[in-house]
N, C-alpha and C. Protein backbone atom coordinates (compact mmCIF):
# COMPACT_ATOMS: atom_id res chain seq x y z
N MET A 1 0.82 -1.18 0.00
CA MET A 1 0.00 0.00 0.00
C MET A 1 0.87 1.25 0.00
N LEU A 2 1.86 1.29 0.88
CA LEU A 2 2.73 2.47 0.94
C LEU A 2 3.57 2.61 -0.31
N THR A 3 3.98 1.49 -0.89
CA THR A 3 4.76 1.55 -2.12
C THR A 3 3.93 2.17 -3.24
N ALA A 4 2.69 1.76 -3.37
CA ALA A 4 1.80 2.34 -4.37
C ALA A 4 1.58 3.82 -4.11
N PHE A 5 1.45 4.18 -2.86
CA PHE A 5 1.27 5.57 -2.44
C PHE A 5 2.46 6.42 -2.88
N GLN A 6 3.66 5.89 -2.69
CA GLN A 6 4.87 6.63 -3.07
C GLN A 6 4.98 6.75 -4.60
N ILE A 7 4.71 5.67 -5.31
CA ILE A 7 4.80 5.68 -6.77
C ILE A 7 3.80 6.66 -7.36
N SER A 8 2.63 6.78 -6.75
CA SER A 8 1.58 7.65 -7.29
C SER A 8 1.76 9.11 -6.92
N ASP A 9 2.89 9.44 -6.33
CA ASP A 9 3.14 10.81 -5.85
C ASP A 9 2.08 11.24 -4.84
N LYS A 10 1.59 10.27 -4.08
CA LYS A 10 0.65 10.50 -2.98
C LYS A 10 -0.68 11.11 -3.43
N THR A 11 -1.12 10.72 -4.63
CA THR A 11 -2.40 11.20 -5.14
C THR A 11 -3.19 10.04 -5.72
N ASP A 12 -4.47 10.28 -5.98
CA ASP A 12 -5.29 9.28 -6.66
C ASP A 12 -5.43 9.60 -8.14
N LYS A 13 -4.60 10.50 -8.65
CA LYS A 13 -4.69 10.94 -10.03
C LYS A 13 -3.91 10.06 -11.01
N ASP A 14 -2.90 9.34 -10.51
CA ASP A 14 -2.01 8.59 -11.39
C ASP A 14 -2.29 7.10 -11.36
N ARG A 15 -2.18 6.49 -12.55
CA ARG A 15 -2.20 5.04 -12.62
C ARG A 15 -0.84 4.52 -12.19
N ILE A 16 -0.86 3.43 -11.50
CA ILE A 16 0.38 2.82 -11.02
C ILE A 16 0.59 1.54 -11.81
N GLU A 17 1.73 1.44 -12.45
CA GLU A 17 2.05 0.26 -13.23
C GLU A 17 2.35 -0.90 -12.28
N VAL A 18 1.62 -1.98 -12.44
CA VAL A 18 1.76 -3.13 -11.53
C VAL A 18 3.17 -3.71 -11.61
N GLU A 19 3.75 -3.73 -12.80
CA GLU A 19 5.11 -4.25 -12.94
C GLU A 19 6.10 -3.41 -12.13
N GLU A 20 5.95 -2.09 -12.17
CA GLU A 20 6.81 -1.21 -11.37
C GLU A 20 6.57 -1.42 -9.88
N LEU A 21 5.32 -1.56 -9.50
CA LEU A 21 4.98 -1.79 -8.10
C LEU A 21 5.61 -3.09 -7.60
N ASN A 22 5.54 -4.12 -8.42
CA ASN A 22 6.05 -5.41 -7.98
C ASN A 22 7.58 -5.48 -7.97
N LYS A 23 8.26 -4.56 -8.63
CA LYS A 23 9.72 -4.52 -8.53
C LYS A 23 10.14 -4.28 -7.08
N SER A 24 9.38 -3.46 -6.39
CA SER A 24 9.66 -3.19 -4.97
C SER A 24 9.17 -4.31 -4.07
N LEU A 25 8.02 -4.87 -4.38
CA LEU A 25 7.41 -5.87 -3.52
C LEU A 25 8.01 -7.26 -3.71
N GLN A 26 8.42 -7.57 -4.92
CA GLN A 26 9.02 -8.85 -5.29
C GLN A 26 8.13 -10.04 -4.91
N LEU A 27 6.87 -9.94 -5.29
CA LEU A 27 5.92 -11.03 -5.08
C LEU A 27 5.84 -11.87 -6.35
N ASP A 28 5.43 -13.12 -6.22
CA ASP A 28 5.23 -13.90 -7.44
C ASP A 28 3.89 -13.51 -8.04
N ARG A 29 3.63 -14.02 -9.22
CA ARG A 29 2.44 -13.63 -9.98
C ARG A 29 1.15 -13.84 -9.19
N ARG A 30 1.02 -14.99 -8.55
CA ARG A 30 -0.20 -15.30 -7.80
C ARG A 30 -0.33 -14.38 -6.57
N GLU A 31 0.78 -14.13 -5.88
CA GLU A 31 0.73 -13.29 -4.68
C GLU A 31 0.31 -11.86 -5.02
N ILE A 32 0.89 -11.29 -6.07
CA ILE A 32 0.54 -9.90 -6.43
C ILE A 32 -0.92 -9.82 -6.88
N LYS A 33 -1.38 -10.81 -7.64
CA LYS A 33 -2.78 -10.85 -8.07
C LYS A 33 -3.71 -10.88 -6.87
N ASN A 34 -3.43 -11.78 -5.92
CA ASN A 34 -4.28 -11.90 -4.73
C ASN A 34 -4.23 -10.63 -3.88
N TYR A 35 -3.05 -10.06 -3.74
CA TYR A 35 -2.90 -8.83 -2.95
C TYR A 35 -3.70 -7.68 -3.58
N LEU A 36 -3.60 -7.53 -4.89
CA LEU A 36 -4.32 -6.45 -5.56
C LEU A 36 -5.83 -6.67 -5.47
N GLU A 37 -6.27 -7.90 -5.61
CA GLU A 37 -7.70 -8.18 -5.50
C GLU A 37 -8.21 -7.92 -4.09
N TYR A 38 -7.40 -8.25 -3.09
CA TYR A 38 -7.76 -7.95 -1.70
C TYR A 38 -7.92 -6.44 -1.50
N LEU A 39 -6.94 -5.66 -1.97
CA LEU A 39 -7.02 -4.21 -1.83
C LEU A 39 -8.21 -3.64 -2.59
N SER A 40 -8.51 -4.22 -3.74
CA SER A 40 -9.68 -3.79 -4.51
C SER A 40 -10.97 -4.10 -3.76
N ASP A 41 -11.06 -5.29 -3.18
CA ASP A 41 -12.25 -5.66 -2.40
C ASP A 41 -12.46 -4.73 -1.20
N LYS A 42 -11.38 -4.21 -0.66
CA LYS A 42 -11.45 -3.28 0.48
C LYS A 42 -11.65 -1.84 0.02
N ASN A 43 -11.81 -1.62 -1.30
CA ASN A 43 -12.01 -0.31 -1.90
C ASN A 43 -10.82 0.63 -1.65
N LEU A 44 -9.61 0.07 -1.63
CA LEU A 44 -8.41 0.88 -1.45
C LEU A 44 -7.71 1.17 -2.77
N ILE A 45 -7.97 0.32 -3.78
CA ILE A 45 -7.45 0.55 -5.12
C ILE A 45 -8.52 0.21 -6.14
N ILE A 46 -8.30 0.70 -7.36
CA ILE A 46 -9.13 0.34 -8.51
C ILE A 46 -8.23 -0.42 -9.47
N LEU A 47 -8.66 -1.57 -9.94
CA LEU A 47 -7.93 -2.33 -10.94
C LEU A 47 -8.29 -1.71 -12.28
N SER A 48 -7.44 -0.80 -12.79
CA SER A 48 -7.84 0.01 -13.93
C SER A 48 -7.55 -0.60 -15.29
N THR A 49 -6.53 -1.45 -15.42
CA THR A 49 -6.30 -2.13 -16.70
C THR A 49 -5.92 -3.57 -16.43
N ILE A 50 -6.27 -4.41 -17.41
CA ILE A 50 -5.94 -5.83 -17.32
C ILE A 50 -4.92 -6.14 -18.40
N GLY A 51 -3.97 -6.99 -18.07
CA GLY A 51 -2.96 -7.41 -19.03
C GLY A 51 -1.58 -7.28 -18.45
N GLY A 52 -0.63 -7.86 -19.13
CA GLY A 52 0.75 -7.80 -18.65
C GLY A 52 1.11 -9.04 -17.86
N PRO A 53 2.33 -9.10 -17.40
CA PRO A 53 2.83 -10.31 -16.73
C PRO A 53 2.18 -10.61 -15.39
N TYR A 54 1.49 -9.66 -14.79
CA TYR A 54 0.89 -9.85 -13.46
C TYR A 54 -0.63 -9.83 -13.50
N LEU A 55 -1.21 -10.10 -14.66
CA LEU A 55 -2.65 -10.11 -14.93
C LEU A 55 -3.22 -8.70 -14.98
N TYR A 56 -2.91 -7.87 -13.99
CA TYR A 56 -3.38 -6.48 -14.01
C TYR A 56 -2.25 -5.59 -14.47
N GLY A 57 -2.56 -4.64 -15.34
CA GLY A 57 -1.53 -3.75 -15.87
C GLY A 57 -1.32 -2.52 -15.00
N HIS A 58 -2.43 -1.91 -14.58
CA HIS A 58 -2.37 -0.68 -13.80
C HIS A 58 -3.42 -0.71 -12.70
N VAL A 59 -3.10 -0.03 -11.61
CA VAL A 59 -4.06 0.17 -10.53
C VAL A 59 -4.05 1.66 -10.18
N GLU A 60 -5.08 2.09 -9.51
CA GLU A 60 -5.17 3.46 -9.03
C GLU A 60 -5.60 3.43 -7.57
N LEU A 61 -5.04 4.29 -6.77
CA LEU A 61 -5.47 4.40 -5.38
C LEU A 61 -6.81 5.13 -5.32
N THR A 62 -7.69 4.68 -4.46
CA THR A 62 -8.94 5.40 -4.23
C THR A 62 -8.70 6.45 -3.14
N SER A 63 -9.67 7.28 -2.89
CA SER A 63 -9.52 8.26 -1.81
C SER A 63 -9.39 7.54 -0.47
N ASP A 64 -10.10 6.42 -0.31
CA ASP A 64 -9.94 5.62 0.91
C ASP A 64 -8.53 5.03 1.00
N GLY A 65 -7.99 4.63 -0.14
CA GLY A 65 -6.63 4.10 -0.18
C GLY A 65 -5.60 5.15 0.21
N ILE A 66 -5.80 6.37 -0.25
CA ILE A 66 -4.90 7.47 0.12
C ILE A 66 -4.96 7.72 1.62
N LYS A 67 -6.18 7.75 2.16
CA LYS A 67 -6.35 7.97 3.60
C LYS A 67 -5.67 6.87 4.40
N ARG A 68 -5.86 5.62 3.98
CA ARG A 68 -5.27 4.49 4.70
C ARG A 68 -3.74 4.55 4.63
N ALA A 69 -3.19 4.87 3.47
CA ALA A 69 -1.73 4.96 3.32
C ALA A 69 -1.17 6.07 4.21
N LYS A 70 -1.86 7.20 4.27
CA LYS A 70 -1.40 8.29 5.14
C LYS A 70 -1.43 7.88 6.60
N LEU A 71 -2.47 7.16 6.99
CA LEU A 71 -2.58 6.68 8.37
C LEU A 71 -1.45 5.70 8.70
N ILE A 72 -1.17 4.78 7.81
CA ILE A 72 -0.08 3.82 8.02
C ILE A 72 1.25 4.55 8.12
N GLN A 73 1.44 5.50 7.22
CA GLN A 73 2.70 6.26 7.21
C GLN A 73 2.86 7.04 8.51
N LYS A 74 1.79 7.63 8.99
CA LYS A 74 1.82 8.40 10.23
C LYS A 74 2.18 7.51 11.42
N LYS A 75 1.62 6.30 11.46
CA LYS A 75 1.89 5.36 12.54
C LYS A 75 3.35 4.91 12.53
N ARG A 76 3.96 4.84 11.36
CA ARG A 76 5.35 4.39 11.24
C ARG A 76 6.33 5.48 11.65
N ASN A 77 5.90 6.72 11.58
CA ASN A 77 6.81 7.84 11.93
C ASN A 77 6.70 8.14 13.36
């Protein structure tokens, strides 16, 4: 979640390339797919494009996702 937040420049305006996201996370194909679907089910991201090596091409943070990422970041500081 925080990695996506950083890649998106902390906004919900940018699509996040799943391949770029997974370079930091280093999950296998099934793990990243399940993780993204979980975040989507929680309304924290939108699965905006399908395709590519990880099934989903791009995701976008929702406003709830931005709020959650900020809360997590605040707790870590």
